[in-house]
């Protein structure tokens, strides 16, 4: 039987369906028994789904931001 630490390590592979049949069955058996690991895997799945749904933002860099970055780089190089 898998331990909680192993569930943590295999959770991403489980969600990506990259486990063998035997590993999947052992994983599911542990989830059936362990409430904490069920919550962990559910939260991981929600997090992955949420990240996939987030729009990619482009950062708009104006002249003031570029000038500030230049001043900060120069200041850091003097230290």
N, C-alpha and C. Protein backbone atom coordinates (compact mmCIF):
# COMPACT_ATOMS: atom_id res chain seq x y z
N UNK A 1 0.84 -1.18 0.00
CA UNK A 1 0.00 0.00 0.00
C UNK A 1 0.89 1.25 0.00
N UNK A 2 0.49 2.22 -0.80
CA UNK A 2 1.25 3.46 -0.89
C UNK A 2 1.10 4.28 0.39
N UNK A 3 2.12 5.05 0.70
CA UNK A 3 2.09 5.97 1.83
C UNK A 3 1.75 7.37 1.31
N UNK A 4 1.36 8.23 2.22
CA UNK A 4 0.96 9.59 1.84
C UNK A 4 2.07 10.32 1.08
N UNK A 5 3.29 10.16 1.48
CA UNK A 5 4.42 10.81 0.81
C UNK A 5 4.52 10.35 -0.64
N UNK A 6 4.24 9.06 -0.89
CA UNK A 6 4.27 8.54 -2.26
C UNK A 6 3.13 9.11 -3.09
N UNK A 7 1.98 9.30 -2.46
CA UNK A 7 0.83 9.90 -3.15
C UNK A 7 1.20 11.32 -3.59
N UNK A 8 1.84 12.05 -2.70
CA UNK A 8 2.28 13.40 -3.02
C UNK A 8 3.22 13.40 -4.22
N UNK A 9 4.13 12.45 -4.27
CA UNK A 9 5.10 12.38 -5.35
C UNK A 9 4.48 11.93 -6.67
N UNK A 10 3.45 11.09 -6.60
CA UNK A 10 2.85 10.53 -7.81
C UNK A 10 1.61 11.27 -8.30
N UNK A 11 1.15 12.26 -7.55
CA UNK A 11 -0.13 12.91 -7.86
C UNK A 11 -0.18 13.50 -9.26
N UNK A 12 0.87 14.20 -9.66
CA UNK A 12 0.88 14.80 -11.00
C UNK A 12 0.83 13.73 -12.08
N UNK A 13 1.60 12.66 -11.90
CA UNK A 13 1.57 11.56 -12.88
C UNK A 13 0.20 10.91 -12.92
N UNK A 14 -0.44 10.79 -11.78
CA UNK A 14 -1.79 10.22 -11.72
C UNK A 14 -2.76 11.09 -12.53
N UNK A 15 -2.72 12.40 -12.30
CA UNK A 15 -3.63 13.30 -13.01
C UNK A 15 -3.33 13.36 -14.51
N UNK A 16 -2.07 13.16 -14.86
CA UNK A 16 -1.68 13.13 -16.28
C UNK A 16 -1.87 11.76 -16.91
N UNK A 17 -2.34 10.80 -16.11
CA UNK A 17 -2.57 9.42 -16.56
C UNK A 17 -1.27 8.76 -17.04
N UNK A 18 -0.19 9.01 -16.28
CA UNK A 18 1.11 8.45 -16.62
C UNK A 18 1.53 7.32 -15.69
N UNK A 19 0.58 6.72 -14.99
CA UNK A 19 0.90 5.61 -14.09
C UNK A 19 0.49 4.28 -14.73
N UNK A 20 1.18 3.24 -14.35
CA UNK A 20 0.81 1.90 -14.82
C UNK A 20 -0.52 1.50 -14.16
N UNK A 21 -1.12 0.44 -14.65
CA UNK A 21 -2.38 -0.03 -14.09
C UNK A 21 -2.22 -0.35 -12.61
N UNK A 22 -1.16 -1.04 -12.26
CA UNK A 22 -0.92 -1.42 -10.87
C UNK A 22 -0.73 -0.18 -9.98
N UNK A 23 0.02 0.80 -10.48
CA UNK A 23 0.23 2.03 -9.71
C UNK A 23 -1.09 2.80 -9.54
N UNK A 24 -1.90 2.85 -10.60
CA UNK A 24 -3.20 3.54 -10.51
C UNK A 24 -4.10 2.89 -9.47
N UNK A 25 -4.12 1.55 -9.46
CA UNK A 25 -4.97 0.85 -8.50
C UNK A 25 -4.50 1.09 -7.06
N UNK A 26 -3.19 1.06 -6.86
CA UNK A 26 -2.64 1.33 -5.52
C UNK A 26 -2.94 2.78 -5.11
N UNK A 27 -2.83 3.68 -6.07
CA UNK A 27 -3.11 5.09 -5.82
C UNK A 27 -4.56 5.28 -5.42
N UNK A 28 -5.47 4.68 -6.20
CA UNK A 28 -6.91 4.80 -5.92
C UNK A 28 -7.29 4.17 -4.59
N UNK A 29 -6.66 3.06 -4.26
CA UNK A 29 -6.93 2.41 -2.98
C UNK A 29 -6.54 3.33 -1.83
N UNK A 30 -5.38 3.95 -1.94
CA UNK A 30 -4.96 4.88 -0.89
C UNK A 30 -5.93 6.06 -0.79
N UNK A 31 -6.34 6.61 -1.93
CA UNK A 31 -7.28 7.73 -1.91
C UNK A 31 -8.61 7.32 -1.28
N UNK A 32 -9.02 6.09 -1.50
CA UNK A 32 -10.26 5.60 -0.91
C UNK A 32 -10.18 5.62 0.62
N UNK A 33 -8.99 5.31 1.13
CA UNK A 33 -8.80 5.21 2.57
C UNK A 33 -8.43 6.54 3.22
N UNK A 34 -7.68 7.37 2.51
CA UNK A 34 -7.06 8.56 3.12
C UNK A 34 -7.76 9.85 2.68
N UNK A 35 -8.46 10.45 3.60
CA UNK A 35 -9.19 11.69 3.34
C UNK A 35 -8.24 12.84 3.00
N UNK A 36 -7.12 12.93 3.69
CA UNK A 36 -6.17 14.02 3.45
C UNK A 36 -5.59 13.96 2.04
N UNK A 37 -5.25 12.78 1.59
CA UNK A 37 -4.70 12.64 0.23
C UNK A 37 -5.77 12.91 -0.83
N UNK A 38 -7.00 12.52 -0.56
CA UNK A 38 -8.10 12.86 -1.48
C UNK A 38 -8.20 14.37 -1.64
N UNK A 39 -8.13 15.08 -0.51
CA UNK A 39 -8.19 16.55 -0.57
C UNK A 39 -7.00 17.12 -1.32
N UNK A 40 -5.82 16.55 -1.08
CA UNK A 40 -4.61 17.03 -1.75
C UNK A 40 -4.73 16.88 -3.26
N UNK A 41 -5.14 15.71 -3.71
CA UNK A 41 -5.25 15.46 -5.15
C UNK A 41 -6.36 16.32 -5.76
N UNK A 42 -7.46 16.50 -5.04
CA UNK A 42 -8.54 17.35 -5.55
C UNK A 42 -8.05 18.80 -5.69
N UNK A 43 -7.33 19.31 -4.69
CA UNK A 43 -6.81 20.67 -4.76
C UNK A 43 -5.79 20.83 -5.88
N UNK A 44 -4.94 19.83 -6.07
CA UNK A 44 -3.96 19.87 -7.15
C UNK A 44 -4.67 19.93 -8.51
N UNK A 45 -5.70 19.14 -8.66
CA UNK A 45 -6.46 19.12 -9.92
C UNK A 45 -7.13 20.48 -10.17
N UNK A 46 -7.70 21.07 -9.13
CA UNK A 46 -8.33 22.38 -9.25
C UNK A 46 -7.29 23.44 -9.62
N UNK A 47 -6.13 23.37 -9.00
CA UNK A 47 -5.06 24.33 -9.29
C UNK A 47 -4.60 24.22 -10.74
N UNK A 48 -4.38 23.01 -11.20
CA UNK A 48 -3.93 22.80 -12.59
C UNK A 48 -4.99 23.31 -13.57
N UNK A 49 -6.24 22.99 -13.31
CA UNK A 49 -7.33 23.43 -14.18
C UNK A 49 -7.43 24.95 -14.20
N UNK A 50 -7.32 25.57 -13.02
CA UNK A 50 -7.40 27.03 -12.93
C UNK A 50 -6.28 27.71 -13.70
N UNK A 51 -5.08 27.18 -13.58
CA UNK A 51 -3.94 27.77 -14.28
C UNK A 51 -4.13 27.66 -15.79
N UNK A 52 -4.66 26.54 -16.24
CA UNK A 52 -4.89 26.36 -17.68
C UNK A 52 -5.93 27.34 -18.21
N UNK A 53 -6.88 27.74 -17.36
CA UNK A 53 -7.94 28.64 -17.78
C UNK A 53 -7.55 30.11 -17.73
N UNK A 54 -6.45 30.41 -17.05
CA UNK A 54 -6.01 31.80 -16.93
C UNK A 54 -5.52 32.32 -18.27
N UNK A 55 -5.97 33.53 -18.63
CA UNK A 55 -5.47 34.10 -19.88
C UNK A 55 -4.02 34.53 -19.72
N UNK A 56 -3.30 34.41 -20.80
CA UNK A 56 -1.91 34.87 -20.79
C UNK A 56 -1.91 36.38 -20.89
N UNK A 57 -1.29 37.02 -19.92
CA UNK A 57 -1.25 38.48 -19.93
C UNK A 57 0.06 38.95 -20.53
N UNK A 58 -0.03 39.98 -21.29
CA UNK A 58 1.18 40.61 -21.80
C UNK A 58 1.47 41.82 -20.92
N UNK A 59 2.70 41.93 -20.52
CA UNK A 59 3.09 43.06 -19.69
C UNK A 59 3.43 44.22 -20.61
N UNK A 60 2.75 45.32 -20.36
CA UNK A 60 2.99 46.52 -21.17
C UNK A 60 4.05 47.34 -20.46
N UNK A 61 5.15 47.54 -21.13
CA UNK A 61 6.26 48.29 -20.56
C UNK A 61 6.33 49.64 -21.26
N UNK A 62 6.06 50.68 -20.48
CA UNK A 62 6.14 52.02 -21.06
C UNK A 62 7.53 52.61 -20.83
N UNK A 63 7.73 53.83 -21.32
CA UNK A 63 9.04 54.48 -21.24
C UNK A 63 9.47 54.73 -19.79
N UNK A 64 8.51 55.08 -18.92
CA UNK A 64 8.84 55.34 -17.51
C UNK A 64 9.34 54.07 -16.84
N UNK A 65 8.72 52.96 -17.15
CA UNK A 65 9.13 51.68 -16.56
C UNK A 65 10.52 51.30 -17.05
N UNK A 66 10.78 51.50 -18.32
CA UNK A 66 12.11 51.21 -18.87
C UNK A 66 13.18 52.07 -18.21
N UNK A 67 12.86 53.35 -18.03
CA UNK A 67 13.81 54.26 -17.39
C UNK A 67 14.07 53.86 -15.94
N UNK A 68 13.02 53.48 -15.22
CA UNK A 68 13.17 53.04 -13.84
C UNK A 68 14.03 51.78 -13.77
N UNK A 69 13.81 50.84 -14.67
CA UNK A 69 14.61 49.62 -14.71
C UNK A 69 16.07 49.95 -14.97
N UNK A 70 16.32 50.90 -15.85
CA UNK A 70 17.70 51.30 -16.16
C UNK A 70 18.37 51.91 -14.94
N UNK A 71 17.67 52.78 -14.23
CA UNK A 71 18.22 53.40 -13.02
C UNK A 71 18.50 52.35 -11.95
N UNK A 72 17.59 51.40 -11.79
CA UNK A 72 17.79 50.34 -10.79
C UNK A 72 18.99 49.45 -11.14
N UNK A 73 19.14 49.13 -12.42
CA UNK A 73 20.30 48.34 -12.84
C UNK A 73 21.60 49.08 -12.58
N UNK A 74 21.62 50.37 -12.92
CA UNK A 74 22.82 51.17 -12.68
C UNK A 74 23.13 51.27 -11.19
N UNK A 75 22.09 51.45 -10.38
CA UNK A 75 22.27 51.54 -8.93
C UNK A 75 22.80 50.22 -8.36
N UNK A 76 22.29 49.11 -8.86
CA UNK A 76 22.72 47.80 -8.38
C UNK A 76 24.16 47.51 -8.78
N UNK A 77 24.57 47.99 -9.95
CA UNK A 77 25.93 47.73 -10.41
C UNK A 77 26.96 48.55 -9.63
N UNK A 78 26.54 49.67 -9.05
CA UNK A 78 27.44 50.50 -8.27
C UNK A 78 27.68 49.93 -6.87
N UNK A 79 26.79 49.09 -6.41
CA UNK A 79 26.91 48.55 -5.04
C UNK A 79 27.81 47.39 -4.97
